[in-house]
């Protein structure tokens, strides 16, 4: 569970922003979505390789 300490005189919007950032960094929502249904290990591996290929292609295009 994420706990955000709201400091004295801190704006509530800023505290909510910190909470959202922490929540995103923990990747809790992504893990829950992945656990929702079972994926075979071969499918997971295939998705990882596709993602790695996409990232590599994207980074190479950014260098140009």
Protein backbone atom coordinates (compact mmCIF):
# COMPACT_ATOMS: atom_id res chain seq x y z
CA UNK A 1 0.00 0.00 0.00
CA UNK A 2 1.31 3.42 -0.92
CA UNK A 3 1.40 6.06 1.76
CA UNK A 4 1.88 9.72 0.94
CA UNK A 5 2.66 12.11 3.77
CA UNK A 6 1.05 15.49 3.11
CA UNK A 7 3.43 18.14 4.37
CA UNK A 8 2.42 21.21 6.31
CA UNK A 9 1.06 23.83 3.92
CA UNK A 10 1.36 21.57 0.88
CA UNK A 11 -1.24 21.84 -1.84
CA UNK A 12 -3.46 18.75 -2.09
CA UNK A 13 -3.09 18.69 -5.87
CA UNK A 14 0.65 18.35 -5.48
CA UNK A 15 0.22 15.46 -3.04
CA UNK A 16 -2.14 13.72 -5.47
CA UNK A 17 0.44 14.19 -8.23
CA UNK A 18 3.11 12.57 -6.04
CA UNK A 19 0.76 9.67 -5.32
CA UNK A 20 0.04 9.11 -9.01
CA UNK A 21 3.75 9.19 -9.82
CA UNK A 22 4.53 6.65 -7.09
CA UNK A 23 1.66 4.45 -8.24
CA UNK A 24 2.93 4.53 -11.82
CA UNK A 25 6.51 3.78 -10.76
CA UNK A 26 5.46 0.77 -8.71
CA UNK A 27 3.70 -0.66 -11.80
CA UNK A 28 0.96 -2.09 -9.62
CA UNK A 29 -1.80 -1.62 -12.18
CA UNK A 30 0.23 -3.28 -14.93
CA UNK A 31 0.88 -6.29 -12.70
CA UNK A 32 -2.82 -6.61 -11.87
CA UNK A 33 -3.71 -6.54 -15.55
CA UNK A 34 -1.12 -9.19 -16.33
CA UNK A 35 -2.42 -11.47 -13.58
CA UNK A 36 -5.98 -11.12 -14.79
CA UNK A 37 -5.51 -13.90 -17.32
CA UNK A 38 -2.87 -16.57 -17.77
CA UNK A 39 -0.35 -16.21 -20.57
CA UNK A 40 1.81 -19.07 -21.66
CA UNK A 41 5.53 -18.50 -21.09
CA UNK A 42 6.16 -18.78 -24.84
CA UNK A 43 3.66 -15.98 -25.50
CA UNK A 44 5.26 -13.77 -22.85
CA UNK A 45 8.70 -14.38 -24.34
CA UNK A 46 7.42 -13.56 -27.83
CA UNK A 47 5.92 -10.29 -26.57
CA UNK A 48 9.18 -9.36 -24.87
CA UNK A 49 11.20 -9.94 -28.03
CA UNK A 50 8.71 -7.92 -30.10
CA UNK A 51 8.92 -5.08 -27.60
CA UNK A 52 12.74 -5.21 -27.60
CA UNK A 53 12.82 -5.13 -31.41
CA UNK A 54 10.48 -2.15 -31.48
CA UNK A 55 12.56 -0.29 -28.89
CA UNK A 56 15.78 -0.95 -30.77
CA UNK A 57 14.26 0.24 -34.06
CA UNK A 58 12.85 3.35 -32.37
CA UNK A 59 16.17 4.24 -30.73
CA UNK A 60 18.07 3.78 -33.97
CA UNK A 61 15.66 6.13 -35.73
CA UNK A 62 16.11 8.70 -32.95
CA UNK A 63 19.88 8.69 -33.41
CA UNK A 64 19.62 9.70 -37.09
